């Protein structure tokens, strides 16, 4: 008999606790404040894309 088993979510890993805490805090914010936080995150993401070298296929390397 085979069983279906759910994989352990990354969020349950203690190494991701800070990220989980930040996401939970973000989701608790009012909609307008979440929009501002999202804009800040996207600005950091865009700035990071400029700073990172591209691989030979044109995609960003990490």
N, C-alpha and C. Protein backbone atom coordinates (compact mmCIF):
# COMPACT_ATOMS: atom_id res chain seq x y z
N UNK A 1 0.84 -1.18 0.00
CA UNK A 1 0.00 0.00 0.00
C UNK A 1 0.89 1.24 0.00
N UNK A 2 0.64 2.14 -0.93
CA UNK A 2 1.45 3.35 -0.97
C UNK A 2 0.76 4.46 -0.18
N UNK A 3 1.56 5.35 0.31
CA UNK A 3 1.04 6.46 1.12
C UNK A 3 1.47 7.78 0.49
N UNK A 4 0.62 8.73 0.61
CA UNK A 4 0.96 10.08 0.16
C UNK A 4 1.48 10.83 1.37
N UNK A 5 2.63 11.42 1.18
CA UNK A 5 3.25 12.11 2.29
C UNK A 5 3.59 13.52 1.87
N UNK A 6 3.28 14.48 2.72
CA UNK A 6 3.59 15.89 2.44
C UNK A 6 5.04 16.15 2.82
N UNK A 7 5.76 16.82 1.92
CA UNK A 7 7.13 17.18 2.23
C UNK A 7 7.15 18.27 3.29
N UNK A 8 8.17 18.26 4.09
CA UNK A 8 8.31 19.29 5.11
C UNK A 8 8.53 20.63 4.43
N UNK A 9 7.72 21.59 4.79
CA UNK A 9 7.82 22.92 4.18
C UNK A 9 9.09 23.62 4.65
N UNK A 10 9.66 24.42 3.76
CA UNK A 10 10.85 25.18 4.13
C UNK A 10 10.58 26.07 5.35
N UNK A 11 9.34 26.56 5.43
CA UNK A 11 9.00 27.47 6.53
C UNK A 11 9.12 26.80 7.89
N UNK A 12 9.02 25.47 7.93
CA UNK A 12 9.13 24.77 9.20
C UNK A 12 10.58 24.57 9.61
N UNK A 13 11.50 24.76 8.69
CA UNK A 13 12.91 24.63 8.97
C UNK A 13 13.35 25.80 9.85
N UNK A 14 14.02 25.53 10.97
CA UNK A 14 14.46 26.63 11.86
C UNK A 14 15.34 27.66 11.16
N UNK A 15 16.01 27.28 10.10
CA UNK A 15 16.85 28.21 9.37
C UNK A 15 16.07 29.30 8.65
N UNK A 16 14.77 29.07 8.47
CA UNK A 16 13.93 30.05 7.79
C UNK A 16 13.04 30.83 8.76
N UNK A 17 13.33 30.74 10.06
CA UNK A 17 12.47 31.39 11.05
C UNK A 17 12.36 32.89 10.84
N UNK A 18 13.48 33.56 10.59
CA UNK A 18 13.45 35.01 10.42
C UNK A 18 12.60 35.41 9.22
N UNK A 19 12.71 34.66 8.12
CA UNK A 19 11.90 34.95 6.95
C UNK A 19 10.42 34.75 7.24
N UNK A 20 10.12 33.67 7.95
CA UNK A 20 8.72 33.39 8.30
C UNK A 20 8.17 34.50 9.19
N UNK A 21 8.96 34.93 10.15
CA UNK A 21 8.55 36.01 11.05
C UNK A 21 8.29 37.30 10.27
N UNK A 22 9.15 37.60 9.29
CA UNK A 22 8.98 38.80 8.48
C UNK A 22 7.72 38.71 7.61
N UNK A 23 7.47 37.55 7.03
CA UNK A 23 6.27 37.35 6.21
C UNK A 23 5.02 37.48 7.06
N UNK A 24 5.02 36.88 8.23
CA UNK A 24 3.87 36.99 9.13
C UNK A 24 3.60 38.44 9.51
N UNK A 25 4.66 39.19 9.81
CA UNK A 25 4.50 40.61 10.16
C UNK A 25 3.96 41.39 8.96
N UNK A 26 4.48 41.09 7.77
CA UNK A 26 4.01 41.75 6.55
C UNK A 26 2.52 41.49 6.35
N UNK A 27 2.09 40.25 6.49
CA UNK A 27 0.69 39.90 6.27
C UNK A 27 -0.24 40.52 7.31
N UNK A 28 0.28 40.88 8.47
CA UNK A 28 -0.52 41.50 9.51
C UNK A 28 -0.71 43.00 9.29
N UNK A 29 0.06 43.57 8.36
CA UNK A 29 -0.04 45.01 8.10
C UNK A 29 -1.33 45.35 7.35
N UNK A 30 -1.80 46.59 7.51
CA UNK A 30 -2.93 47.05 6.69
C UNK A 30 -2.52 47.08 5.21
N UNK A 31 -3.48 47.00 4.32
CA UNK A 31 -3.23 46.91 2.88
C UNK A 31 -2.32 48.03 2.39
N UNK A 32 -2.57 49.25 2.79
CA UNK A 32 -1.75 50.38 2.32
C UNK A 32 -0.29 50.24 2.74
N UNK A 33 -0.04 49.79 3.94
CA UNK A 33 1.33 49.60 4.39
C UNK A 33 2.00 48.43 3.66
N UNK A 34 1.23 47.37 3.36
CA UNK A 34 1.79 46.26 2.58
C UNK A 34 2.22 46.74 1.20
N UNK A 35 1.46 47.65 0.61
CA UNK A 35 1.84 48.19 -0.70
C UNK A 35 3.18 48.90 -0.62
N UNK A 36 3.38 49.69 0.43
CA UNK A 36 4.64 50.42 0.60
C UNK A 36 5.80 49.44 0.79
N UNK A 37 5.61 48.43 1.63
CA UNK A 37 6.65 47.44 1.87
C UNK A 37 6.99 46.71 0.58
N UNK A 38 5.96 46.35 -0.19
CA UNK A 38 6.20 45.66 -1.46
C UNK A 38 7.04 46.54 -2.39
N UNK A 39 6.73 47.82 -2.46
CA UNK A 39 7.50 48.73 -3.32
C UNK A 39 8.96 48.80 -2.88
N UNK A 40 9.19 48.81 -1.58
CA UNK A 40 10.57 48.84 -1.06
C UNK A 40 11.30 47.55 -1.44
N UNK A 41 10.64 46.41 -1.25
CA UNK A 41 11.25 45.12 -1.60
C UNK A 41 11.57 45.07 -3.09
N UNK A 42 10.64 45.51 -3.93
CA UNK A 42 10.86 45.49 -5.37
C UNK A 42 12.01 46.42 -5.76
N UNK A 43 12.14 47.56 -5.09
CA UNK A 43 13.26 48.47 -5.36
C UNK A 43 14.59 47.79 -5.03
N UNK A 44 14.64 47.10 -3.89
CA UNK A 44 15.86 46.36 -3.54
C UNK A 44 16.15 45.26 -4.56
N UNK A 45 15.11 44.57 -4.99
CA UNK A 45 15.29 43.50 -5.97
C UNK A 45 15.84 44.05 -7.28
N UNK A 46 15.29 45.17 -7.73
CA UNK A 46 15.79 45.78 -8.98
C UNK A 46 17.23 46.25 -8.82
N UNK A 47 17.55 46.83 -7.68
CA UNK A 47 18.92 47.28 -7.44
C UNK A 47 19.87 46.09 -7.41
N UNK A 48 19.44 44.96 -6.86
CA UNK A 48 20.25 43.76 -6.82
C UNK A 48 20.50 43.20 -8.20
N UNK A 49 19.53 43.33 -9.09
CA UNK A 49 19.70 42.84 -10.46
C UNK A 49 20.78 43.61 -11.18
N UNK A 50 20.90 44.87 -10.91
CA UNK A 50 21.93 45.70 -11.54
C UNK A 50 23.31 45.31 -11.04
N UNK A 51 23.40 44.96 -9.76
CA UNK A 51 24.69 44.64 -9.15
C UNK A 51 25.20 43.24 -9.46
N UNK A 52 24.30 42.30 -9.82
CA UNK A 52 24.71 40.92 -10.02
C UNK A 52 25.17 40.68 -11.46
N UNK A 53 26.28 39.95 -11.62
CA UNK A 53 26.73 39.62 -12.98
C UNK A 53 25.81 38.57 -13.60
N UNK A 54 25.66 38.62 -14.90
CA UNK A 54 24.84 37.65 -15.62
C UNK A 54 25.68 36.45 -16.00
N UNK A 55 25.02 35.30 -16.11
CA UNK A 55 25.68 34.09 -16.60
C UNK A 55 25.79 34.16 -18.11
N UNK A 56 26.33 33.14 -18.72
CA UNK A 56 26.52 33.13 -20.17
C UNK A 56 25.20 33.07 -20.92
N UNK A 57 24.13 32.59 -20.27
CA UNK A 57 22.84 32.52 -20.93
C UNK A 57 22.01 33.78 -20.73
N UNK A 58 22.58 34.80 -20.07
CA UNK A 58 21.87 36.06 -19.88
C UNK A 58 21.06 36.13 -18.61
N UNK A 59 20.94 34.99 -17.90
CA UNK A 59 20.20 35.01 -16.64
C UNK A 59 21.12 35.39 -15.50
N UNK A 60 20.52 35.92 -14.45
CA UNK A 60 21.30 36.31 -13.28
C UNK A 60 21.79 35.07 -12.56
N UNK A 61 23.01 35.15 -12.03
CA UNK A 61 23.56 34.04 -11.26
C UNK A 61 23.38 34.34 -9.79
N UNK A 62 23.23 33.32 -9.01
CA UNK A 62 23.06 33.50 -7.56
C UNK A 62 23.90 32.51 -6.84
